[in-house]
């Protein structure tokens, strides 16, 4: 689901409504804490955009990013979102 682009892993999901999007973000927040690796993200109503990169490694994709991306992709809430194309 995540796509690698410009030294980042990116995911863009659309949910049924704001509550579903926020529930997903809450689950991701718990994962991020467990992984001690935190995403850059944006939320507008039912849209959630996540960007993963490792800043202290020079803003490149590392195993920390890949591990968190795999964990996010396994969340049940992720399956409820529609994957949208990333904007160019």
C-alpha atoms as a PDB file:
ATOM      1  CA  UNK A   1       0.000   0.000   0.000  1.00  0.00           C
ATOM      2  CA  UNK A   2       2.741   2.476   0.868  1.00  0.00           C
ATOM      3  CA  UNK A   3       4.552   3.823  -2.163  1.00  0.00           C
ATOM      4  CA  UNK A   4       8.196   4.837  -2.122  1.00  0.00           C
ATOM      5  CA  UNK A   5       8.752   8.273  -3.606  1.00  0.00           C
ATOM      6  CA  UNK A   6      11.345  11.019  -3.076  1.00  0.00           C
ATOM      7  CA  UNK A   7      13.132   9.253  -0.177  1.00  0.00           C
ATOM      8  CA  UNK A   8       9.821   8.688   1.638  1.00  0.00           C
ATOM      9  CA  UNK A   9       7.147   6.048   2.036  1.00  0.00           C
ATOM     10  CA  UNK A  10       3.723   7.556   1.359  1.00  0.00           C
ATOM     11  CA  UNK A  11       0.144   6.445   1.864  1.00  0.00           C
ATOM     12  CA  UNK A  12      -3.095   8.298   1.144  1.00  0.00           C
ATOM     13  CA  UNK A  13      -6.365   6.839   2.457  1.00  0.00           C
ATOM     14  CA  UNK A  14      -9.965   7.990   2.301  1.00  0.00           C
ATOM     15  CA  UNK A  15     -12.398   6.789   4.960  1.00  0.00           C
ATOM     16  CA  UNK A  16     -16.180   6.849   5.236  1.00  0.00           C
ATOM     17  CA  UNK A  17     -16.107   9.888   7.503  1.00  0.00           C
ATOM     18  CA  UNK A  18     -14.009  11.944   9.915  1.00  0.00           C
ATOM     19  CA  UNK A  19     -14.594   9.579  12.844  1.00  0.00           C
ATOM     20  CA  UNK A  20     -13.277   6.583  10.880  1.00  0.00           C
ATOM     21  CA  UNK A  21     -10.247   8.597   9.761  1.00  0.00           C
ATOM     22  CA  UNK A  22      -9.550   9.737  13.314  1.00  0.00           C
ATOM     23  CA  UNK A  23      -9.936   6.183  14.664  1.00  0.00           C
ATOM     24  CA  UNK A  24      -7.323   5.067  12.146  1.00  0.00           C
ATOM     25  CA  UNK A  25      -4.992   7.882  13.193  1.00  0.00           C
ATOM     26  CA  UNK A  26      -5.411   6.892  16.841  1.00  0.00           C
ATOM     27  CA  UNK A  27      -4.331   3.342  16.022  1.00  0.00           C
ATOM     28  CA  UNK A  28      -1.351   4.618  14.024  1.00  0.00           C
ATOM     29  CA  UNK A  29      -0.346   6.876  16.920  1.00  0.00           C
ATOM     30  CA  UNK A  30      -0.160   3.850  19.245  1.00  0.00           C
ATOM     31  CA  UNK A  31       1.963   1.970  16.699  1.00  0.00           C
ATOM     32  CA  UNK A  32       4.251   4.944  16.234  1.00  0.00           C
ATOM     33  CA  UNK A  33       4.865   5.115  19.972  1.00  0.00           C
ATOM     34  CA  UNK A  34       5.552   1.375  20.121  1.00  0.00           C
ATOM     35  CA  UNK A  35       8.026   1.703  17.232  1.00  0.00           C
ATOM     36  CA  UNK A  36       9.502   4.959  18.578  1.00  0.00           C
ATOM     37  CA  UNK A  37       9.161   6.328  15.054  1.00  0.00           C
ATOM     38  CA  UNK A  38       6.611   8.985  14.213  1.00  0.00           C
ATOM     39  CA  UNK A  39       5.010   9.847  10.878  1.00  0.00           C
ATOM     40  CA  UNK A  40       4.451  13.120   9.183  1.00  0.00           C
ATOM     41  CA  UNK A  41       0.750  13.199   8.424  1.00  0.00           C
ATOM     42  CA  UNK A  42      -2.142  15.306   7.353  1.00  0.00           C
ATOM     43  CA  UNK A  43      -5.852  14.898   7.954  1.00  0.00           C
ATOM     44  CA  UNK A  44      -8.701  16.742   6.292  1.00  0.00           C
ATOM     45  CA  UNK A  45     -12.160  15.374   7.095  1.00  0.00           C
ATOM     46  CA  UNK A  46     -12.051  11.744   5.844  1.00  0.00           C
ATOM     47  CA  UNK A  47      -8.638  11.898   4.152  1.00  0.00           C
ATOM     48  CA  UNK A  48      -5.414  10.809   5.863  1.00  0.00           C
ATOM     49  CA  UNK A  49      -1.987  11.198   4.260  1.00  0.00           C
ATOM     50  CA  UNK A  50       1.057   9.598   5.877  1.00  0.00           C
ATOM     51  CA  UNK A  51       4.700  10.194   5.010  1.00  0.00           C
ATOM     52  CA  UNK A  52       7.501   8.151   6.570  1.00  0.00           C
ATOM     53  CA  UNK A  53      11.171   9.062   6.388  1.00  0.00           C
ATOM     54  CA  UNK A  54      14.005   8.936   8.889  1.00  0.00           C
ATOM     55  CA  UNK A  55      15.121  12.486   9.588  1.00  0.00           C
ATOM     56  CA  UNK A  56      18.142  11.582  11.712  1.00  0.00           C
ATOM     57  CA  UNK A  57      19.454   9.389   8.858  1.00  0.00           C
ATOM     58  CA  UNK A  58      19.404  12.285   6.403  1.00  0.00           C
ATOM     59  CA  UNK A  59      15.752  12.109   5.326  1.00  0.00           C
ATOM     60  CA  UNK A  60      15.926   8.724   3.643  1.00  0.00           C
ATOM     61  CA  UNK A  61      13.861   5.561   3.954  1.00  0.00           C
ATOM     62  CA  UNK A  62      15.299   3.177   6.533  1.00  0.00           C
ATOM     63  CA  UNK A  63      14.216  -0.088   8.131  1.00  0.00           C
ATOM     64  CA  UNK A  64      12.441   1.999  10.804  1.00  0.00           C
ATOM     65  CA  UNK A  65      10.152   3.383   8.099  1.00  0.00           C
ATOM     66  CA  UNK A  66       9.603  -0.002   6.469  1.00  0.00           C
ATOM     67  CA  UNK A  67       8.782  -1.667   9.801  1.00  0.00           C
ATOM     68  CA  UNK A  68       6.252   1.013  10.740  1.00  0.00           C
ATOM     69  CA  UNK A  69       4.717   0.908   7.248  1.00  0.00           C
ATOM     70  CA  UNK A  70       4.277  -2.881   7.502  1.00  0.00           C
ATOM     71  CA  UNK A  71       2.643  -2.507  10.913  1.00  0.00           C
ATOM     72  CA  UNK A  72       0.271   0.209   9.647  1.00  0.00           C
ATOM     73  CA  UNK A  73      -0.689  -1.927   6.662  1.00  0.00           C
ATOM     74  CA  UNK A  74      -1.688  -4.742   9.054  1.00  0.00           C
ATOM     75  CA  UNK A  75      -4.111  -2.599  11.064  1.00  0.00           C
ATOM     76  CA  UNK A  76      -7.745  -3.634  10.574  1.00  0.00           C
ATOM     77  CA  UNK A  77      -8.682   0.050  10.192  1.00  0.00           C
ATOM     78  CA  UNK A  78      -6.339   0.329   7.198  1.00  0.00           C
ATOM     79  CA  UNK A  79      -8.513  -2.158   5.349  1.00  0.00           C
ATOM     80  CA  UNK A  80     -11.514   0.176   5.773  1.00  0.00           C
ATOM     81  CA  UNK A  81      -9.825   3.010   3.956  1.00  0.00           C
ATOM     82  CA  UNK A  82      -9.730   3.396   0.214  1.00  0.00           C
ATOM     83  CA  UNK A  83      -6.191   3.836  -1.074  1.00  0.00           C
ATOM     84  CA  UNK A  84      -6.033   6.968  -3.202  1.00  0.00           C
ATOM     85  CA  UNK A  85      -3.444   7.911  -5.771  1.00  0.00           C
ATOM     86  CA  UNK A  86      -0.708  10.163  -4.502  1.00  0.00           C
ATOM     87  CA  UNK A  87      -0.630  13.638  -5.937  1.00  0.00           C
ATOM     88  CA  UNK A  88       2.311  14.353  -8.193  1.00  0.00           C
END
